Amino acid sequence: WISKYQIVSSPSVYSENRQRALVHTLQRFENDKYSKVPLFIFGDFNFRLDSNLLIQELAGKLVPCQTKGKKGLINKVEYTEVDNGKIVLTVGSKSFDYYDKHSDLFASMYKWLQQYDSEFSSFRDRLYEHDITFMPSYPFCEDVSDGISYMKTRVPSWCDRVLLTHTARDILIQDPC
């Protein structure tokens, strides 16, 4: 994809780094000297959608036009319609703009986006996560007076997560009677 942020495979190298970090954290709990207790792990895990696959799907039959920077590296790709040259999607190192469909991608297409949310899948044997039934939590506009718009800087994602061990899940679903 773009210069030093180039994606050459799915998942990205950043995804692999995040997975290693979570594995390390889990191993610290699993291998300590204390008894095993149910765990709730929550916060910004920085989980991202598989950008490579998502962009391939969004770009579909569009025509890519690359812009190179001073060092000869690609710094932006604009995807245009074949028949009229209208720009539909722009992807860059700090740019993700789906133009006319940008708001829809976040607001009404979020269930469709979930197929690209795969970073958690390798932890399903160790952790549980409730179904995600809300719009992506990232990247919201940083203007505090605008709590519903998304910036056009990154692919949408659910970075903030609540994960729990299966024993913690069992406690939550127990019948109180």
N, C-alpha and C. Protein backbone atom coordinates (compact mmCIF):
# COMPACT_ATOMS: atom_id res chain seq x y z
N TRP A 1 0.83 -1.16 0.00
CA TRP A 1 0.00 0.00 0.00
C TRP A 1 0.86 1.21 0.00
N ILE A 2 1.22 1.83 1.07
CA ILE A 2 1.83 3.15 1.04
C ILE A 2 3.18 3.15 1.76
N SER A 3 4.21 3.61 1.09
CA SER A 3 5.57 3.80 1.61
C SER A 3 5.89 2.90 2.80
N LYS A 4 6.28 3.50 3.94
CA LYS A 4 6.68 2.68 5.08
C LYS A 4 5.51 1.95 5.72
N TYR A 5 4.29 2.31 5.35
CA TYR A 5 3.11 1.65 5.88
C TYR A 5 2.63 0.56 4.94
N GLN A 6 3.48 0.17 4.05
CA GLN A 6 3.11 -0.76 2.99
C GLN A 6 2.55 -2.05 3.56
N ILE A 7 1.42 -2.45 3.02
CA ILE A 7 0.82 -3.72 3.39
C ILE A 7 1.13 -4.69 2.27
N VAL A 8 1.82 -5.74 2.59
CA VAL A 8 2.15 -6.73 1.58
C VAL A 8 1.47 -8.06 1.88
N SER A 9 0.87 -8.16 3.04
CA SER A 9 0.19 -9.39 3.37
C SER A 9 -0.97 -9.11 4.31
N SER A 10 -1.82 -10.08 4.44
CA SER A 10 -2.91 -10.02 5.40
C SER A 10 -2.73 -11.19 6.34
N PRO A 11 -2.74 -10.98 7.62
CA PRO A 11 -2.82 -9.69 8.30
C PRO A 11 -1.50 -8.93 8.23
N SER A 12 -1.55 -7.68 8.62
CA SER A 12 -0.36 -6.83 8.54
C SER A 12 0.64 -7.18 9.64
N VAL A 13 1.85 -6.70 9.49
CA VAL A 13 2.88 -6.92 10.50
C VAL A 13 2.47 -6.27 11.82
N TYR A 14 1.71 -5.19 11.76
CA TYR A 14 1.25 -4.53 12.98
C TYR A 14 0.27 -5.43 13.73
N SER A 15 -0.57 -6.13 12.99
CA SER A 15 -1.49 -7.08 13.59
C SER A 15 -0.73 -8.17 14.33
N GLU A 16 0.31 -8.67 13.70
CA GLU A 16 1.12 -9.72 14.33
C GLU A 16 1.79 -9.20 15.60
N ASN A 17 2.23 -7.95 15.60
CA ASN A 17 2.84 -7.35 16.80
C ASN A 17 1.82 -7.24 17.92
N ARG A 18 0.60 -6.81 17.59
CA ARG A 18 -0.45 -6.69 18.61
C ARG A 18 -0.79 -8.06 19.18
N GLN A 19 -0.83 -9.07 18.33
CA GLN A 19 -1.13 -10.43 18.81
C GLN A 19 -0.04 -10.91 19.76
N ARG A 20 1.21 -10.68 19.42
CA ARG A 20 2.31 -11.08 20.30
C ARG A 20 2.21 -10.38 21.66
N ALA A 21 1.84 -9.12 21.66
CA ALA A 21 1.71 -8.37 22.91
C ALA A 21 0.61 -8.95 23.79
N LEU A 22 -0.53 -9.29 23.19
CA LEU A 22 -1.62 -9.87 23.98
C LEU A 22 -1.26 -11.27 24.46
N VAL A 23 -0.60 -12.06 23.65
CA VAL A 23 -0.14 -13.39 24.08
C VAL A 23 0.80 -13.24 25.27
N HIS A 24 1.72 -12.30 25.21
CA HIS A 24 2.65 -12.06 26.31
C HIS A 24 1.89 -11.73 27.60
N THR A 25 0.90 -10.85 27.49
CA THR A 25 0.11 -10.46 28.66
C THR A 25 -0.64 -11.66 29.23
N LEU A 26 -1.27 -12.43 28.36
CA LEU A 26 -2.01 -13.61 28.83
C LEU A 26 -1.09 -14.61 29.50
N GLN A 27 0.08 -14.82 28.93
CA GLN A 27 1.03 -15.77 29.51
C GLN A 27 1.50 -15.32 30.90
N ARG A 28 1.60 -14.04 31.10
CA ARG A 28 2.00 -13.53 32.43
C ARG A 28 0.97 -13.95 33.48
N PHE A 29 -0.32 -13.90 33.12
CA PHE A 29 -1.36 -14.33 34.06
C PHE A 29 -1.41 -15.85 34.18
N GLU A 30 -1.27 -16.53 33.07
CA GLU A 30 -1.38 -18.00 33.06
C GLU A 30 -0.21 -18.68 33.75
N ASN A 31 0.95 -18.06 33.73
CA ASN A 31 2.15 -18.71 34.25
C ASN A 31 2.65 -18.14 35.58
N ASP A 32 1.84 -17.30 36.22
CA ASP A 32 2.30 -16.76 37.50
C ASP A 32 2.04 -17.77 38.62
N LYS A 33 2.48 -17.46 39.82
CA LYS A 33 2.39 -18.39 40.95
C LYS A 33 1.03 -18.36 41.65
N TYR A 34 0.16 -17.46 41.22
CA TYR A 34 -1.12 -17.30 41.89
C TYR A 34 -2.18 -18.21 41.29
N SER A 35 -3.23 -18.45 42.07
CA SER A 35 -4.30 -19.31 41.57
C SER A 35 -4.99 -18.63 40.39
N LYS A 36 -5.55 -19.44 39.55
CA LYS A 36 -6.19 -18.91 38.34
C LYS A 36 -7.58 -18.38 38.68
N VAL A 37 -7.83 -17.17 38.31
CA VAL A 37 -9.11 -16.54 38.57
C VAL A 37 -9.69 -16.04 37.25
N PRO A 38 -11.01 -15.86 37.21
CA PRO A 38 -11.61 -15.31 35.99
C PRO A 38 -11.07 -13.90 35.74
N LEU A 39 -10.79 -13.60 34.49
CA LEU A 39 -10.21 -12.31 34.13
C LEU A 39 -11.10 -11.54 33.16
N PHE A 40 -11.19 -10.25 33.40
CA PHE A 40 -11.77 -9.32 32.45
C PHE A 40 -10.62 -8.44 31.98
N ILE A 41 -10.41 -8.39 30.69
CA ILE A 41 -9.32 -7.59 30.13
C ILE A 41 -9.96 -6.59 29.18
N PHE A 42 -9.76 -5.32 29.46
CA PHE A 42 -10.42 -4.32 28.62
C PHE A 42 -9.51 -3.14 28.38
N GLY A 43 -9.77 -2.46 27.28
CA GLY A 43 -8.98 -1.28 26.95
C GLY A 43 -8.81 -1.14 25.45
N ASP A 44 -7.88 -0.29 25.09
CA ASP A 44 -7.59 -0.05 23.68
C ASP A 44 -6.55 -1.06 23.21
N PHE A 45 -7.02 -2.12 22.58
CA PHE A 45 -6.13 -3.16 22.07
C PHE A 45 -5.59 -2.78 20.70
N ASN A 46 -6.12 -1.70 20.15
CA ASN A 46 -5.68 -1.22 18.85
C ASN A 46 -5.96 -2.23 17.74
N PHE A 47 -6.91 -3.16 17.98
CA PHE A 47 -7.29 -4.11 16.93
C PHE A 47 -7.78 -3.32 15.73
N ARG A 48 -7.35 -3.72 14.56
CA ARG A 48 -7.75 -3.05 13.32
C ARG A 48 -8.35 -4.05 12.36
N LEU A 49 -9.13 -3.53 11.44
CA LEU A 49 -9.66 -4.38 10.38
C LEU A 49 -8.52 -4.78 9.46
N ASP A 50 -8.72 -5.85 8.72
CA ASP A 50 -7.74 -6.26 7.72
C ASP A 50 -7.86 -5.26 6.57
N SER A 51 -7.06 -4.21 6.63
CA SER A 51 -7.15 -3.11 5.66
C SER A 51 -6.91 -3.57 4.24
N ASN A 52 -5.99 -4.47 4.07
CA ASN A 52 -5.66 -4.96 2.74
C ASN A 52 -6.89 -5.58 2.07
N LEU A 53 -7.54 -6.51 2.77
CA LEU A 53 -8.72 -7.16 2.20
C LEU A 53 -9.88 -6.19 2.03
N LEU A 54 -10.07 -5.30 3.00
CA LEU A 54 -11.16 -4.32 2.92
C LEU A 54 -10.97 -3.41 1.72
N ILE A 55 -9.78 -2.88 1.54
CA ILE A 55 -9.52 -1.97 0.41
C ILE A 55 -9.68 -2.70 -0.91
N GLN A 56 -9.23 -3.95 -0.98
CA GLN A 56 -9.44 -4.73 -2.21
C GLN A 56 -10.92 -4.85 -2.53
N GLU A 57 -11.74 -5.09 -1.50
CA GLU A 57 -13.18 -5.23 -1.71
C GLU A 57 -13.81 -3.90 -2.11
N LEU A 58 -13.46 -2.82 -1.42
CA LEU A 58 -14.03 -1.51 -1.74
C LEU A 58 -13.60 -1.03 -3.12
N ALA A 59 -12.36 -1.31 -3.48
CA ALA A 59 -11.83 -0.85 -4.77
C ALA A 59 -12.40 -1.65 -5.93
N GLY A 60 -12.72 -2.92 -5.68
CA GLY A 60 -13.36 -3.76 -6.69
C GLY A 60 -12.85 -3.54 -8.10
N LYS A 61 -13.70 -2.97 -8.94
CA LYS A 61 -13.36 -2.74 -10.35
C LYS A 61 -12.91 -1.30 -10.62
N LEU A 62 -12.58 -0.59 -9.55
CA LEU A 62 -12.12 0.78 -9.71
C LEU A 62 -10.69 0.79 -10.26
N VAL A 63 -10.30 1.93 -10.82
CA VAL A 63 -8.97 2.08 -11.41
C VAL A 63 -8.06 2.80 -10.41
N PRO A 64 -6.94 2.16 -10.00
CA PRO A 64 -6.03 2.81 -9.06
C PRO A 64 -5.08 3.78 -9.77
N CYS A 65 -4.84 4.91 -9.13
CA CYS A 65 -3.87 5.88 -9.64
C CYS A 65 -2.96 6.25 -8.47
N GLN A 66 -1.69 5.90 -8.59
CA GLN A 66 -0.73 6.11 -7.51
C GLN A 66 -0.04 7.46 -7.63
N THR A 67 0.15 8.10 -6.48
CA THR A 67 0.92 9.33 -6.40
C THR A 67 2.17 9.03 -5.59
N LYS A 68 3.32 9.39 -6.14
CA LYS A 68 4.58 9.13 -5.44
C LYS A 68 5.11 10.41 -4.82
N GLY A 69 5.78 10.24 -3.69
CA GLY A 69 6.38 11.37 -2.99
C GLY A 69 7.80 11.62 -3.47
N LYS A 70 8.50 12.46 -2.72
CA LYS A 70 9.86 12.89 -3.09
C LYS A 70 10.85 11.74 -3.16
N LYS A 71 10.68 10.73 -2.34
CA LYS A 71 11.62 9.61 -2.32
C LYS A 71 11.22 8.50 -3.28
N GLY A 72 10.23 8.77 -4.10
CA GLY A 72 9.79 7.78 -5.08
C GLY A 72 8.89 6.71 -4.51
N LEU A 73 8.48 6.86 -3.26
CA LEU A 73 7.58 5.91 -2.64
C LEU A 73 6.13 6.35 -2.85
N ILE A 74 5.25 5.40 -2.94
CA ILE A 74 3.83 5.71 -3.11
C ILE A 74 3.33 6.34 -1.81
N ASN A 75 2.72 7.52 -1.91
CA ASN A 75 2.18 8.13 -0.70
C ASN A 75 0.66 8.24 -0.72
N LYS A 76 0.06 7.93 -1.89
CA LYS A 76 -1.40 7.98 -1.98
C LYS A 76 -1.85 7.17 -3.19
N VAL A 77 -3.01 6.51 -3.02
CA VAL A 77 -3.64 5.82 -4.15
C VAL A 77 -5.08 6.30 -4.22
N GLU A 78 -5.45 6.81 -5.39
CA GLU A 78 -6.83 7.21 -5.63
C GLU A 78 -7.46 6.17 -6.54
N TYR A 79 -8.64 5.71 -6.16
CA TYR A 79 -9.38 4.73 -6.96
C TYR A 79 -10.54 5.45 -7.62
N THR A 80 -10.59 5.36 -8.95
CA THR A 80 -11.61 6.08 -9.71
C THR A 80 -12.51 5.13 -10.48
N GLU A 81 -13.71 5.63 -10.80
CA GLU A 81 -14.64 4.87 -11.63
C GLU A 81 -14.09 4.79 -13.05
N VAL A 82 -14.29 3.66 -13.68
CA VAL A 82 -13.76 3.42 -15.02
C VAL A 82 -14.35 4.38 -16.05
N ASP A 83 -15.66 4.55 -16.02
CA ASP A 83 -16.33 5.31 -17.08
C ASP A 83 -16.20 6.82 -16.98
N ASN A 84 -16.12 7.37 -15.77
CA ASN A 84 -16.11 8.84 -15.67
C ASN A 84 -14.92 9.42 -14.89
N GLY A 85 -14.06 8.58 -14.36
CA GLY A 85 -12.88 9.06 -13.65
C GLY A 85 -13.15 9.67 -12.29
N LYS A 86 -14.39 9.54 -11.79
CA LYS A 86 -14.74 10.09 -10.49
C LYS A 86 -13.99 9.33 -9.39
N ILE A 87 -13.36 10.09 -8.48
CA ILE A 87 -12.64 9.48 -7.36
C ILE A 87 -13.66 8.93 -6.36
N VAL A 88 -13.51 7.65 -6.04
CA VAL A 88 -14.42 6.97 -5.12
C VAL A 88 -13.75 6.69 -3.78
N LEU A 89 -12.46 6.39 -3.82
CA LEU A 89 -11.73 6.00 -2.61
C LEU A 89 -10.30 6.53 -2.70
N THR A 90 -9.83 7.13 -1.61
CA THR A 90 -8.44 7.56 -1.51
C THR A 90 -7.83 6.92 -0.28
N VAL A 91 -6.65 6.32 -0.47
CA VAL A 91 -5.94 5.67 0.63
C VAL A 91 -4.52 6.20 0.64
N GLY A 92 -4.07 6.63 1.82
CA GLY A 92 -2.71 7.13 1.99
C GLY A 92 -2.21 6.80 3.37
N SER A 93 -1.02 7.26 3.69
CA SER A 93 -0.43 6.92 4.98
C SER A 93 -1.25 7.47 6.14
N LYS A 94 -1.90 8.57 5.96
CA LYS A 94 -2.81 9.10 6.98
C LYS A 94 -4.10 9.56 6.33
N SER A 95 -4.56 8.76 5.38
CA SER A 95 -5.75 9.13 4.64
C SER A 95 -6.56 7.89 4.29
N PHE A 96 -7.84 7.95 4.60
CA PHE A 96 -8.79 6.93 4.16
C PHE A 96 -10.10 7.66 3.94
N ASP A 97 -10.46 7.88 2.68
CA ASP A 97 -11.65 8.63 2.35
C ASP A 97 -12.46 7.86 1.32
N TYR A 98 -13.64 7.45 1.74
CA TYR A 98 -14.54 6.71 0.85
C TYR A 98 -15.60 7.67 0.28
N TYR A 99 -15.30 8.92 0.26
CA TYR A 99 -16.06 10.01 -0.31
C TYR A 99 -17.56 9.90 -0.04
N ASP A 100 -18.38 9.73 -1.07
CA ASP A 100 -19.83 9.76 -0.92
C ASP A 100 -20.36 8.70 0.05
N LYS A 101 -19.63 7.64 0.24
CA LYS A 101 -20.10 6.53 1.08
C LYS A 101 -19.37 6.47 2.43
N HIS A 102 -18.56 7.48 2.75
CA HIS A 102 -17.73 7.44 3.96
C HIS A 102 -18.58 7.27 5.22
N SER A 103 -19.59 8.11 5.39
CA SER A 103 -20.44 8.02 6.59
C SER A 103 -21.19 6.71 6.64
N ASP A 104 -21.68 6.25 5.49
CA ASP A 104 -22.40 4.97 5.45
C ASP A 104 -21.52 3.81 5.85
N LEU A 105 -20.26 3.85 5.45
CA LEU A 105 -19.34 2.77 5.77
C LEU A 105 -19.25 2.59 7.28
N PHE A 106 -19.25 3.68 8.01
CA PHE A 106 -19.16 3.62 9.46
C PHE A 106 -20.52 3.37 10.11
N ALA A 107 -21.53 4.11 9.66
CA ALA A 107 -22.82 4.11 10.34
C ALA A 107 -23.71 2.92 9.99
N SER A 108 -23.93 2.68 8.72
CA SER A 108 -24.90 1.65 8.36
C SER A 108 -24.29 0.37 7.81
N MET A 109 -23.02 0.40 7.45
CA MET A 109 -22.38 -0.80 6.89
C MET A 109 -21.49 -1.49 7.92
N TYR A 110 -21.62 -1.11 9.20
CA TYR A 110 -20.69 -1.64 10.19
C TYR A 110 -20.81 -3.15 10.36
N LYS A 111 -22.00 -3.70 10.18
CA LYS A 111 -22.13 -5.17 10.28
C LYS A 111 -21.36 -5.84 9.15
N TRP A 112 -21.40 -5.25 7.98
CA TRP A 112 -20.64 -5.78 6.84
C TRP A 112 -19.14 -5.69 7.11
N LEU A 113 -18.70 -4.63 7.77
CA LEU A 113 -17.28 -4.45 8.09
C LEU A 113 -16.74 -5.54 9.01
N GLN A 114 -17.60 -6.14 9.81
CA GLN A 114 -17.14 -7.10 10.82
C GLN A 114 -16.43 -8.31 10.22
N GLN A 115 -16.69 -8.62 8.97
CA GLN A 115 -15.99 -9.75 8.35
C GLN A 115 -14.49 -9.49 8.23
N TYR A 116 -14.08 -8.24 8.32
CA TYR A 116 -12.66 -7.87 8.23
C TYR A 116 -12.03 -7.68 9.61
N ASP A 117 -12.82 -7.88 10.65
CA ASP A 117 -12.37 -7.73 12.03
C ASP A 117 -11.92 -9.10 12.54
N SER A 118 -10.70 -9.47 12.22
CA SER A 118 -10.25 -10.83 12.48
C SER A 118 -9.13 -10.96 13.51
N GLU A 119 -8.65 -9.86 14.04
CA GLU A 119 -7.49 -9.94 14.95
C GLU A 119 -7.79 -10.72 16.22
N PHE A 120 -9.02 -10.69 16.69
CA PHE A 120 -9.35 -11.41 17.92
C PHE A 120 -9.49 -12.92 17.69
N SER A 121 -9.74 -13.34 16.48
CA SER A 121 -10.09 -14.74 16.21
C SER A 121 -9.07 -15.75 16.72
N SER A 122 -7.81 -15.42 16.73
CA SER A 122 -6.80 -16.38 17.20
C SER A 122 -6.81 -16.56 18.72
N PHE A 123 -7.61 -15.78 19.42
CA PHE A 123 -7.68 -15.88 20.88
C PHE A 123 -8.97 -16.53 21.37
N ARG A 124 -9.83 -16.95 20.46
CA ARG A 124 -11.14 -17.49 20.85
C ARG A 124 -11.04 -18.72 21.76
N ASP A 125 -9.96 -19.46 21.68
CA ASP A 125 -9.81 -20.62 22.57
C ASP A 125 -9.46 -20.20 24.00
N ARG A 126 -8.96 -18.98 24.17
CA ARG A 126 -8.54 -18.51 25.50
C ARG A 126 -9.44 -17.41 26.06
N LEU A 127 -10.06 -16.65 25.17
CA LEU A 127 -10.85 -15.50 25.59
C LEU A 127 -12.21 -15.48 24.90
N TYR A 128 -13.12 -14.74 25.49
CA TYR A 128 -14.47 -14.59 24.94
C TYR A 128 -14.71 -13.10 24.74
N GLU A 129 -15.49 -12.78 23.72
CA GLU A 129 -15.91 -11.40 23.48
C GLU A 129 -17.37 -11.44 23.05
N HIS A 130 -18.19 -10.60 23.68
CA HIS A 130 -19.59 -10.52 23.25
C HIS A 130 -19.65 -9.98 21.83
N ASP A 131 -20.75 -10.26 21.15
CA ASP A 131 -20.93 -9.76 19.79
C ASP A 131 -20.85 -8.24 19.77
N ILE A 132 -20.25 -7.72 18.74
CA ILE A 132 -20.16 -6.27 18.55
C ILE A 132 -21.42 -5.84 17.80
N THR A 133 -22.20 -4.98 18.44
CA THR A 133 -23.48 -4.56 17.86
C THR A 133 -23.57 -3.04 17.73
N PHE A 134 -22.43 -2.42 17.51
CA PHE A 134 -22.39 -0.97 17.42
C PHE A 134 -21.39 -0.55 16.35
N MET A 135 -21.48 0.71 15.98
CA MET A 135 -20.59 1.26 14.95
C MET A 135 -19.14 1.23 15.42
N PRO A 136 -18.21 1.30 14.48
CA PRO A 136 -16.79 1.34 14.86
C PRO A 136 -16.51 2.47 15.85
N SER A 137 -15.62 2.21 16.77
CA SER A 137 -15.27 3.21 17.79
C SER A 137 -14.08 4.06 17.38
N TYR A 138 -13.57 3.83 16.17
CA TYR A 138 -12.37 4.54 15.72
C TYR A 138 -12.46 4.79 14.23
N PRO A 139 -12.03 5.90 13.69
CA PRO A 139 -11.49 7.10 14.32
C PRO A 139 -12.54 8.21 14.38
N PHE A 140 -13.14 8.40 15.53
CA PHE A 140 -14.10 9.49 15.69
C PHE A 140 -13.40 10.83 15.51
N CYS A 141 -14.16 11.80 15.07
CA CYS A 141 -13.67 13.17 14.93
C CYS A 141 -13.22 13.66 16.31
N GLU A 142 -12.11 14.34 16.37
CA GLU A 142 -11.57 14.80 17.65
C GLU A 142 -12.24 16.07 18.17
N ASP A 143 -13.10 16.67 17.39
CA ASP A 143 -13.82 17.87 17.81
C ASP A 143 -14.88 17.45 18.83
N VAL A 144 -14.75 17.90 20.07
CA VAL A 144 -15.66 17.48 21.13
C VAL A 144 -17.10 17.91 20.89
N SER A 145 -17.32 18.91 20.06
CA SER A 145 -18.68 19.34 19.77
C SER A 145 -19.33 18.48 18.68
N ASP A 146 -18.57 17.57 18.09
CA ASP A 146 -19.07 16.69 17.04
C ASP A 146 -18.79 15.24 17.43
N GLY A 147 -19.75 14.62 18.08
CA GLY A 147 -19.54 13.26 18.56
C GLY A 147 -20.01 12.16 17.64
N ILE A 148 -20.37 12.51 16.39
CA ILE A 148 -20.90 11.47 15.51
C ILE A 148 -20.16 11.32 14.18
N SER A 149 -19.22 12.18 13.92
CA SER A 149 -18.49 12.12 12.64
C SER A 149 -17.18 11.37 12.81
N TYR A 150 -16.73 10.81 11.70
CA TYR A 150 -15.46 10.09 11.69
C TYR A 150 -14.43 10.86 10.88
N MET A 151 -13.20 10.81 11.33
CA MET A 151 -12.11 11.43 10.57
C MET A 151 -11.85 10.60 9.32
N LYS A 152 -11.28 11.23 8.33
CA LYS A 152 -10.96 10.55 7.08
C LYS A 152 -9.47 10.24 7.03
N THR A 153 -8.99 9.67 8.14
CA THR A 153 -7.56 9.40 8.29
C THR A 153 -7.22 7.92 8.37
N ARG A 154 -8.15 7.10 8.79
CA ARG A 154 -7.87 5.68 9.01
C ARG A 154 -9.08 4.83 8.63
N VAL A 155 -8.80 3.57 8.37
CA VAL A 155 -9.85 2.60 8.13
C VAL A 155 -10.64 2.44 9.43
N PRO A 156 -11.97 2.32 9.36
CA PRO A 156 -12.75 2.16 10.59
C PRO A 156 -12.35 0.90 11.35
N SER A 157 -12.48 0.95 12.67
CA SER A 157 -12.10 -0.20 13.50
C SER A 157 -12.81 -0.16 14.84
N TRP A 158 -12.78 -1.29 15.49
CA TRP A 158 -13.21 -1.42 16.88
C TRP A 158 -11.94 -1.67 17.68
N CYS A 159 -11.26 -0.61 18.07
CA CYS A 159 -9.98 -0.73 18.80
C CYS A 159 -10.20 -1.04 20.27
N ASP A 160 -11.22 -0.44 20.85
CA ASP A 160 -11.50 -0.60 22.27
C ASP A 160 -12.36 -1.85 22.46
N ARG A 161 -11.87 -2.77 23.28
CA ARG A 161 -12.54 -4.06 23.42
C ARG A 161 -12.67 -4.45 24.89
N VAL A 162 -13.65 -5.31 25.15
CA VAL A 162 -13.81 -5.94 26.46
C VAL A 162 -13.71 -7.44 26.22
N LEU A 163 -12.64 -8.03 26.74
CA LEU A 163 -12.39 -9.46 26.57
C LEU A 163 -12.43 -10.12 27.94
N LEU A 164 -12.82 -11.37 27.99
CA LEU A 164 -12.86 -12.07 29.25
C LEU A 164 -12.52 -13.54 29.04
N THR A 165 -12.02 -14.14 30.10
CA THR A 165 -11.74 -15.56 30.02
C THR A 165 -13.06 -16.31 30.00
N HIS A 166 -13.02 -17.55 29.58
CA HIS A 166 -14.25 -18.35 29.50
C HIS A 166 -14.83 -18.59 30.89
N THR A 167 -13.98 -18.67 31.91
CA THR A 167 -14.50 -18.82 33.27
C THR A 167 -15.23 -17.55 33.72
N ALA A 168 -14.76 -16.40 33.32
CA ALA A 168 -15.46 -15.15 33.63
C ALA A 168 -16.80 -15.11 32.90
N ARG A 169 -16.82 -15.56 31.66
CA ARG A 169 -18.08 -15.61 30.89
C ARG A 169 -19.08 -16.52 31.60
N ASP A 170 -18.63 -17.67 32.07
CA ASP A 170 -19.52 -18.60 32.76
C ASP A 170 -20.16 -17.96 33.98
N ILE A 171 -19.42 -17.14 34.69
CA ILE A 171 -19.97 -16.44 35.86
C ILE A 171 -21.06 -15.47 35.42
N LEU A 172 -20.84 -14.78 34.33
CA LEU A 172 -21.81 -13.80 33.84
C LEU A 172 -23.12 -14.43 33.41
N ILE A 173 -23.06 -15.61 32.84
CA ILE A 173 -24.28 -16.21 32.30
C ILE A 173 -24.97 -17.16 33.29
N GLN A 174 -24.43 -17.29 34.50
CA GLN A 174 -25.06 -18.16 35.50
C GLN A 174 -26.44 -17.64 35.86
N ASP A 175 -27.34 -18.56 36.05
CA ASP A 175 -28.69 -18.23 36.51
C ASP A 175 -28.59 -17.87 38.00
N PRO A 176 -29.03 -16.67 38.40
CA PRO A 176 -28.87 -16.25 39.79
C PRO A 176 -29.75 -17.03 40.77
N CYS A 177 -30.68 -17.82 40.29
CA CYS A 177 -31.58 -18.57 41.20
C CYS A 177 -31.03 -19.90 41.61
